[in-house]
N, C-alpha and C. Protein backbone atom coordinates (compact mmCIF):
# COMPACT_ATOMS: atom_id res chain seq x y z
N UNK A 1 13.28 18.54 -50.74
CA UNK A 1 12.79 18.53 -52.10
C UNK A 1 13.86 19.14 -53.00
N UNK A 2 14.17 18.48 -54.11
CA UNK A 2 15.19 18.97 -55.02
C UNK A 2 14.60 19.91 -56.06
N UNK A 3 15.46 20.59 -56.77
CA UNK A 3 15.01 21.46 -57.86
C UNK A 3 14.27 20.66 -58.92
N UNK A 4 14.67 19.41 -59.14
CA UNK A 4 13.99 18.58 -60.14
C UNK A 4 12.57 18.24 -59.68
N UNK A 5 12.38 18.03 -58.40
CA UNK A 5 11.04 17.79 -57.88
C UNK A 5 10.15 19.00 -58.12
N UNK A 6 10.71 20.19 -57.95
CA UNK A 6 9.95 21.41 -58.19
C UNK A 6 9.63 21.59 -59.68
N UNK A 7 10.55 21.18 -60.54
CA UNK A 7 10.30 21.23 -61.98
C UNK A 7 9.19 20.26 -62.35
N UNK A 8 9.23 19.06 -61.81
CA UNK A 8 8.19 18.05 -62.08
C UNK A 8 6.82 18.58 -61.66
N UNK A 9 6.76 19.24 -60.50
CA UNK A 9 5.49 19.76 -59.99
C UNK A 9 5.03 21.03 -60.70
N UNK A 10 5.88 21.59 -61.58
CA UNK A 10 5.53 22.81 -62.29
C UNK A 10 5.78 24.07 -61.50
N UNK A 11 6.46 23.96 -60.36
CA UNK A 11 6.77 25.13 -59.54
C UNK A 11 7.91 25.96 -60.14
N UNK A 12 8.76 25.30 -60.91
CA UNK A 12 9.86 25.96 -61.62
C UNK A 12 9.70 25.59 -63.09
N UNK A 13 9.72 26.59 -63.99
CA UNK A 13 9.56 26.28 -65.41
C UNK A 13 10.79 25.61 -66.00
N UNK A 14 10.58 24.88 -67.09
CA UNK A 14 11.69 24.29 -67.83
C UNK A 14 11.34 24.30 -69.31
N UNK A 15 12.34 24.14 -70.13
CA UNK A 15 12.16 24.06 -71.57
C UNK A 15 12.04 22.58 -71.93
N UNK A 16 10.82 22.06 -71.90
CA UNK A 16 10.56 20.63 -72.09
C UNK A 16 10.87 20.18 -73.51
N UNK A 17 11.40 18.98 -73.57
CA UNK A 17 11.64 18.29 -74.84
C UNK A 17 10.62 17.19 -75.02
N UNK A 18 10.40 16.41 -73.95
CA UNK A 18 9.46 15.29 -74.00
C UNK A 18 9.03 14.97 -72.57
N UNK A 19 7.79 14.54 -72.44
CA UNK A 19 7.26 14.18 -71.13
C UNK A 19 6.23 13.09 -71.30
N UNK A 20 6.22 12.16 -70.37
CA UNK A 20 5.13 11.19 -70.26
C UNK A 20 4.78 11.05 -68.78
N UNK A 21 4.00 10.07 -68.43
CA UNK A 21 3.56 9.94 -67.04
C UNK A 21 4.69 9.58 -66.08
N UNK A 22 5.81 9.04 -66.60
CA UNK A 22 6.89 8.57 -65.73
C UNK A 22 8.19 9.37 -65.81
N UNK A 23 8.41 10.10 -66.92
CA UNK A 23 9.70 10.74 -67.14
C UNK A 23 9.53 12.12 -67.74
N UNK A 24 10.57 12.93 -67.58
CA UNK A 24 10.59 14.28 -68.13
C UNK A 24 11.99 14.54 -68.70
N UNK A 25 12.02 15.14 -69.89
CA UNK A 25 13.28 15.55 -70.51
C UNK A 25 13.19 17.04 -70.81
N UNK A 26 14.24 17.78 -70.47
CA UNK A 26 14.24 19.22 -70.69
C UNK A 26 15.67 19.71 -70.92
N UNK A 27 15.78 20.88 -71.55
CA UNK A 27 17.10 21.47 -71.84
C UNK A 27 17.78 21.91 -70.56
N UNK A 28 19.08 21.60 -70.45
CA UNK A 28 19.90 22.05 -69.33
C UNK A 28 20.10 23.56 -69.45
N UNK A 29 19.99 24.28 -68.33
CA UNK A 29 20.15 25.74 -68.38
C UNK A 29 21.62 26.15 -68.47
N UNK A 30 22.53 25.21 -68.27
CA UNK A 30 23.97 25.47 -68.37
C UNK A 30 24.59 24.42 -69.30
N UNK A 31 24.27 24.50 -70.60
CA UNK A 31 24.67 23.42 -71.52
C UNK A 31 26.18 23.28 -71.68
N UNK A 32 26.61 22.02 -71.80
CA UNK A 32 28.02 21.69 -72.02
C UNK A 32 28.26 21.18 -73.43
N UNK A 33 27.24 21.21 -74.27
CA UNK A 33 27.32 20.77 -75.66
C UNK A 33 26.22 21.50 -76.42
N UNK A 34 26.28 21.52 -77.76
CA UNK A 34 25.22 22.18 -78.52
C UNK A 34 23.82 21.67 -78.14
N UNK A 35 23.72 20.39 -77.86
CA UNK A 35 22.47 19.82 -77.34
C UNK A 35 22.79 19.20 -75.99
N UNK A 36 22.10 19.65 -74.96
CA UNK A 36 22.31 19.14 -73.60
C UNK A 36 20.95 19.03 -72.93
N UNK A 37 20.47 17.81 -72.82
CA UNK A 37 19.15 17.52 -72.28
C UNK A 37 19.31 16.77 -70.96
N UNK A 38 18.50 17.13 -69.97
CA UNK A 38 18.44 16.38 -68.71
C UNK A 38 17.21 15.49 -68.77
N UNK A 39 17.37 14.25 -68.34
CA UNK A 39 16.28 13.28 -68.36
C UNK A 39 16.13 12.72 -66.95
N UNK A 40 14.91 12.84 -66.40
CA UNK A 40 14.69 12.46 -65.01
C UNK A 40 13.43 11.61 -64.88
N UNK A 41 13.44 10.70 -63.89
CA UNK A 41 12.18 10.02 -63.55
C UNK A 41 11.33 10.97 -62.71
N UNK A 42 10.03 10.82 -62.80
CA UNK A 42 9.15 11.68 -62.00
C UNK A 42 9.05 11.22 -60.55
N UNK A 43 9.41 9.99 -60.28
CA UNK A 43 9.46 9.54 -58.89
C UNK A 43 10.81 9.96 -58.31
N UNK A 44 10.84 10.22 -57.02
CA UNK A 44 12.09 10.62 -56.39
C UNK A 44 12.98 9.42 -56.17
N UNK A 45 14.08 9.42 -56.89
CA UNK A 45 15.13 8.41 -56.76
C UNK A 45 16.42 9.20 -56.61
N UNK A 46 17.14 8.97 -55.54
CA UNK A 46 18.31 9.80 -55.25
C UNK A 46 19.41 9.67 -56.29
N UNK A 47 19.75 8.44 -56.66
CA UNK A 47 20.85 8.24 -57.61
C UNK A 47 20.75 6.87 -58.26
N UNK A 48 21.72 6.56 -59.10
CA UNK A 48 21.69 5.30 -59.84
C UNK A 48 21.71 4.09 -58.92
N UNK A 49 22.39 4.18 -57.79
CA UNK A 49 22.44 3.05 -56.86
C UNK A 49 21.07 2.75 -56.25
N UNK A 50 20.18 3.72 -56.27
CA UNK A 50 18.86 3.55 -55.66
C UNK A 50 17.77 3.19 -56.66
N UNK A 51 18.04 3.29 -57.95
CA UNK A 51 17.00 3.07 -58.96
C UNK A 51 16.69 1.58 -59.12
N UNK A 52 15.44 1.29 -59.39
CA UNK A 52 15.03 -0.10 -59.60
C UNK A 52 15.25 -0.50 -61.06
N UNK A 53 15.45 -1.78 -61.30
CA UNK A 53 15.58 -2.25 -62.68
C UNK A 53 14.33 -1.92 -63.53
N UNK A 54 13.17 -1.91 -62.90
CA UNK A 54 11.93 -1.61 -63.64
C UNK A 54 11.92 -0.16 -64.14
N UNK A 55 12.34 0.77 -63.29
CA UNK A 55 12.40 2.17 -63.73
C UNK A 55 13.40 2.30 -64.87
N UNK A 56 14.57 1.69 -64.74
CA UNK A 56 15.58 1.79 -65.79
C UNK A 56 15.11 1.14 -67.08
N UNK A 57 14.40 0.04 -66.99
CA UNK A 57 13.90 -0.61 -68.21
C UNK A 57 12.99 0.33 -68.99
N UNK A 58 12.13 1.03 -68.28
CA UNK A 58 11.23 1.98 -68.94
C UNK A 58 11.95 3.25 -69.36
N UNK A 59 12.94 3.65 -68.59
CA UNK A 59 13.66 4.88 -68.88
C UNK A 59 14.51 4.72 -70.15
N UNK A 60 14.98 3.52 -70.40
CA UNK A 60 15.81 3.27 -71.58
C UNK A 60 15.09 3.68 -72.86
N UNK A 61 13.87 3.22 -73.04
CA UNK A 61 13.15 3.56 -74.27
C UNK A 61 12.82 5.05 -74.32
N UNK A 62 12.58 5.68 -73.17
CA UNK A 62 12.32 7.11 -73.13
C UNK A 62 13.56 7.89 -73.58
N UNK A 63 14.72 7.51 -73.07
CA UNK A 63 15.97 8.18 -73.46
C UNK A 63 16.22 8.00 -74.95
N UNK A 64 15.99 6.81 -75.47
CA UNK A 64 16.17 6.57 -76.90
C UNK A 64 15.23 7.44 -77.73
N UNK A 65 14.01 7.61 -77.24
CA UNK A 65 13.05 8.46 -77.94
C UNK A 65 13.50 9.93 -77.94
N UNK A 66 14.04 10.39 -76.82
CA UNK A 66 14.55 11.76 -76.75
C UNK A 66 15.71 11.93 -77.73
N UNK A 67 16.63 10.98 -77.76
CA UNK A 67 17.78 11.06 -78.67
C UNK A 67 17.30 11.14 -80.12
N UNK A 68 16.32 10.35 -80.47
CA UNK A 68 15.78 10.37 -81.84
C UNK A 68 15.09 11.70 -82.13
N UNK A 69 14.30 12.18 -81.19
CA UNK A 69 13.60 13.45 -81.34
C UNK A 69 14.57 14.61 -81.56
N UNK A 70 15.72 14.55 -80.89
CA UNK A 70 16.73 15.61 -81.01
C UNK A 70 17.66 15.40 -82.20
N UNK A 71 17.46 14.33 -82.96
CA UNK A 71 18.28 14.06 -84.14
C UNK A 71 19.66 13.53 -83.81
N UNK A 72 19.81 12.91 -82.66
CA UNK A 72 21.11 12.41 -82.23
C UNK A 72 21.30 10.92 -82.45
N UNK A 73 20.26 10.23 -82.84
CA UNK A 73 20.31 8.77 -82.93
C UNK A 73 21.24 8.26 -84.02
N UNK A 74 21.46 9.00 -85.09
CA UNK A 74 22.33 8.54 -86.16
C UNK A 74 23.80 8.85 -85.93
N UNK A 75 24.13 10.09 -85.55
CA UNK A 75 25.53 10.49 -85.39
C UNK A 75 26.11 10.19 -84.03
N UNK A 76 25.25 9.97 -83.04
CA UNK A 76 25.73 9.60 -81.72
C UNK A 76 25.58 10.70 -80.69
N UNK A 77 25.77 10.30 -79.46
CA UNK A 77 25.61 11.20 -78.32
C UNK A 77 26.31 10.59 -77.13
N UNK A 78 26.43 11.37 -76.08
CA UNK A 78 26.98 10.90 -74.82
C UNK A 78 25.86 10.89 -73.80
N UNK A 79 25.77 9.83 -73.02
CA UNK A 79 24.78 9.71 -71.95
C UNK A 79 25.54 9.53 -70.65
N UNK A 80 25.32 10.47 -69.70
CA UNK A 80 26.08 10.48 -68.45
C UNK A 80 25.12 10.56 -67.27
N UNK A 81 25.42 9.79 -66.23
CA UNK A 81 24.80 10.03 -64.93
C UNK A 81 25.92 10.09 -63.90
N UNK A 82 25.89 11.11 -63.07
CA UNK A 82 26.85 11.24 -61.98
C UNK A 82 26.21 10.61 -60.75
N UNK A 83 26.99 9.83 -60.03
CA UNK A 83 26.44 9.08 -58.91
C UNK A 83 27.18 9.42 -57.62
N UNK A 84 26.52 10.16 -56.73
CA UNK A 84 27.10 10.51 -55.45
C UNK A 84 28.09 11.67 -55.55
N UNK A 85 28.52 12.12 -54.40
CA UNK A 85 29.39 13.30 -54.32
C UNK A 85 30.70 13.11 -55.08
N UNK A 86 31.37 11.97 -54.91
CA UNK A 86 32.63 11.74 -55.60
C UNK A 86 32.44 11.56 -57.10
N UNK A 87 31.24 11.19 -57.52
CA UNK A 87 30.94 11.06 -58.94
C UNK A 87 30.51 12.36 -59.58
N UNK A 88 30.44 13.43 -58.79
CA UNK A 88 30.09 14.74 -59.32
C UNK A 88 28.60 15.06 -59.33
N UNK A 89 27.80 14.24 -58.64
CA UNK A 89 26.35 14.50 -58.60
C UNK A 89 26.08 15.74 -57.76
N UNK A 90 25.40 16.72 -58.36
CA UNK A 90 25.09 17.96 -57.66
C UNK A 90 23.64 18.01 -57.20
N UNK A 91 22.73 17.44 -57.96
CA UNK A 91 21.32 17.38 -57.58
C UNK A 91 21.02 15.93 -57.22
N UNK A 92 20.59 15.72 -55.99
CA UNK A 92 20.36 14.36 -55.50
C UNK A 92 18.99 13.83 -55.94
N UNK A 93 18.82 13.77 -57.23
CA UNK A 93 17.66 13.17 -57.89
C UNK A 93 18.23 12.57 -59.16
N UNK A 94 18.05 11.27 -59.36
CA UNK A 94 18.61 10.60 -60.52
C UNK A 94 18.32 11.39 -61.78
N UNK A 95 19.35 11.64 -62.56
CA UNK A 95 19.19 12.32 -63.84
C UNK A 95 20.31 11.91 -64.78
N UNK A 96 19.97 11.90 -66.05
CA UNK A 96 20.92 11.60 -67.10
C UNK A 96 21.13 12.85 -67.94
N UNK A 97 22.37 13.07 -68.33
CA UNK A 97 22.71 14.14 -69.25
C UNK A 97 22.85 13.51 -70.63
N UNK A 98 22.07 13.99 -71.58
CA UNK A 98 22.18 13.56 -72.97
C UNK A 98 22.85 14.71 -73.71
N UNK A 99 24.08 14.48 -74.18
CA UNK A 99 24.87 15.52 -74.84
C UNK A 99 25.16 15.13 -76.27
N UNK A 100 25.06 16.08 -77.17
CA UNK A 100 25.37 15.80 -78.56
C UNK A 100 25.34 17.05 -79.40
N UNK A 101 25.25 16.82 -80.70
CA UNK A 101 25.21 17.93 -81.64
C UNK A 101 26.57 18.34 -82.15
N UNK A 102 27.63 17.66 -81.72
CA UNK A 102 29.00 17.92 -82.16
C UNK A 102 29.86 16.74 -81.71
N UNK A 103 31.07 16.66 -82.26
CA UNK A 103 32.01 15.64 -81.78
C UNK A 103 32.49 16.09 -80.41
N UNK A 104 32.24 15.29 -79.40
CA UNK A 104 32.50 15.68 -78.02
C UNK A 104 33.89 15.24 -77.57
N UNK A 105 34.59 16.12 -76.85
CA UNK A 105 35.89 15.75 -76.29
C UNK A 105 35.68 14.99 -74.99
N UNK A 106 36.73 14.46 -74.45
CA UNK A 106 36.64 13.64 -73.24
C UNK A 106 37.56 14.16 -72.14
N UNK A 107 38.27 15.25 -72.36
CA UNK A 107 39.31 15.69 -71.44
C UNK A 107 38.82 16.53 -70.27
N UNK A 108 37.55 16.81 -70.18
CA UNK A 108 37.05 17.71 -69.14
C UNK A 108 36.54 16.98 -67.89
N UNK A 109 36.69 15.68 -67.83
CA UNK A 109 36.07 14.92 -66.75
C UNK A 109 36.72 15.11 -65.39
N UNK A 110 38.01 15.35 -65.36
CA UNK A 110 38.68 15.47 -64.07
C UNK A 110 39.63 16.66 -64.11
N UNK A 111 39.46 17.57 -63.18
CA UNK A 111 40.32 18.75 -63.13
C UNK A 111 41.65 18.43 -62.43
N UNK A 112 41.73 17.29 -61.79
CA UNK A 112 42.94 16.91 -61.06
C UNK A 112 43.86 16.08 -61.94
N UNK A 113 45.08 15.89 -61.47
CA UNK A 113 46.03 15.03 -62.15
C UNK A 113 45.60 13.58 -61.92
N UNK A 114 45.16 12.91 -62.97
CA UNK A 114 44.62 11.55 -62.82
C UNK A 114 45.69 10.55 -62.39
N UNK A 115 46.97 10.85 -62.57
CA UNK A 115 48.03 9.91 -62.19
C UNK A 115 48.04 9.66 -60.68
N UNK A 116 47.60 10.64 -59.90
CA UNK A 116 47.63 10.44 -58.46
C UNK A 116 46.51 9.50 -57.98
N UNK A 117 45.58 9.15 -58.87
CA UNK A 117 44.50 8.23 -58.51
C UNK A 117 44.81 6.80 -58.94
N UNK A 118 45.90 6.59 -59.64
CA UNK A 118 46.24 5.24 -60.14
C UNK A 118 47.08 4.48 -59.16
């Protein structure tokens, strides 16, 4: 059971932004931007490779609603999902990071010299 499963069950508290029967959005406890929201499905899905098109179809409108609620829909935001160990996924439960509230830089994605990967 992941930490997100425990949050969904109410075993661990979170600072909720929005919730419905299928999804939950809450503030990240280690924010990387002025606004940093985690958005998760309530069903256990390990990562993006495992998610069904039906879940993603419904999750899209939920994420858009969260962005609007947080006031990010006009100026923009970044939406990230890390997939698997090499993609930087730390919690093996599908989740999206919604980041915004400022002009975001892009240079923090890889701590290594990217030339060695080309």
